[in-house]
Protein backbone atom coordinates (compact mmCIF):
# COMPACT_ATOMS: atom_id res chain seq x y z
CA UNK A 1 -56.71 197.22 197.94
CA UNK A 2 -59.46 196.14 195.54
CA UNK A 3 -57.31 196.78 192.51
CA UNK A 4 -54.43 194.72 193.93
CA UNK A 5 -56.83 191.97 194.91
CA UNK A 6 -58.31 191.89 191.31
CA UNK A 7 -54.83 191.80 189.82
CA UNK A 8 -53.68 188.98 192.08
CA UNK A 9 -56.80 187.02 191.36
CA UNK A 10 -56.49 187.34 187.60
CA UNK A 11 -52.73 186.49 187.79
CA UNK A 12 -53.39 183.34 189.82
CA UNK A 13 -55.71 181.99 187.14
CA UNK A 14 -53.72 183.01 184.11
CA UNK A 15 -50.37 181.94 185.57
CA UNK A 16 -51.81 178.45 186.31
CA UNK A 17 -53.18 178.18 182.76
CA UNK A 18 -49.95 179.35 181.13
CA UNK A 19 -47.73 177.11 183.24
CA UNK A 20 -49.85 173.86 183.26
CA UNK A 21 -52.40 173.92 180.46
CA UNK A 22 -50.63 175.46 177.51
CA UNK A 23 -48.08 173.49 175.41
CA UNK A 24 -45.89 176.65 174.93
CA UNK A 25 -45.94 180.37 174.43
CA UNK A 26 -47.96 181.80 171.56
CA UNK A 27 -45.52 184.48 170.39
CA UNK A 28 -42.19 183.09 171.49
CA UNK A 29 -40.22 179.82 170.85
CA UNK A 30 -39.94 178.97 174.54
CA UNK A 31 -40.99 180.17 177.98
CA UNK A 32 -37.99 181.66 179.77
CA UNK A 33 -38.25 181.25 183.44
CA UNK A 34 -35.46 182.39 185.86
CA UNK A 35 -33.03 179.66 186.83
CA UNK A 36 -32.18 181.28 190.15
CA UNK A 37 -34.78 180.53 192.84
CA UNK A 38 -32.75 181.26 195.95
CA UNK A 39 -33.65 184.33 198.04
CA UNK A 40 -30.33 185.91 198.98
CA UNK A 41 -29.17 189.07 200.74
CA UNK A 42 -28.76 191.13 197.57
CA UNK A 43 -32.42 190.42 196.67
CA UNK A 44 -33.71 191.42 200.16
CA UNK A 45 -31.59 194.53 200.31
CA UNK A 46 -32.54 195.63 196.74
CA UNK A 47 -36.30 195.08 197.48
CA UNK A 48 -35.99 197.05 200.76
CA UNK A 49 -34.26 199.96 199.05
CA UNK A 50 -36.87 199.91 196.30
CA UNK A 51 -39.71 199.85 198.83
CA UNK A 52 -38.24 202.59 200.98
CA UNK A 53 -37.57 204.81 198.00
CA UNK A 54 -41.12 204.35 196.75
CA UNK A 55 -42.64 204.80 200.18
CA UNK A 56 -40.65 207.90 201.05
CA UNK A 57 -41.03 209.65 197.68
CA UNK A 58 -44.66 208.55 197.19
CA UNK A 59 -44.06 207.86 193.57
CA UNK A 60 -44.54 204.74 191.51
CA UNK A 61 -41.09 204.30 189.79
CA UNK A 62 -42.41 204.52 186.18
CA UNK A 63 -44.38 207.77 186.46
CA UNK A 64 -41.75 209.00 188.96
CA UNK A 65 -39.08 208.83 186.34
CA UNK A 66 -41.31 210.74 183.96
CA UNK A 67 -41.94 213.36 186.60
CA UNK A 68 -38.21 213.68 187.18
CA UNK A 69 -37.98 215.70 183.96
CA UNK A 70 -40.63 218.22 185.06
CA UNK A 71 -38.76 221.07 186.74
CA UNK A 72 -41.17 221.38 189.71
CA UNK A 73 -40.78 217.74 190.55
CA UNK A 74 -37.01 217.65 190.29
CA UNK A 75 -36.95 219.48 193.69
CA UNK A 76 -38.89 216.59 195.21
CA UNK A 77 -36.47 214.06 193.87
CA UNK A 78 -33.46 215.99 195.02
């Protein structure tokens, strides 16, 4: 909970500074923001599947994909 709170706090500050105070990105020609802002059924279903999979398996997706290649963890994935 504290890690998440710290990450959200830092993100709130840096996102505000990047979006409102900087003239543009440092290492890119332009800041690419998504054009689509509507929350639709596909987004909600995808997020629900992602959350259920993460919650049921107990794995963060990144390390979980690495663990997939370790033979003892393949059984958990199957």
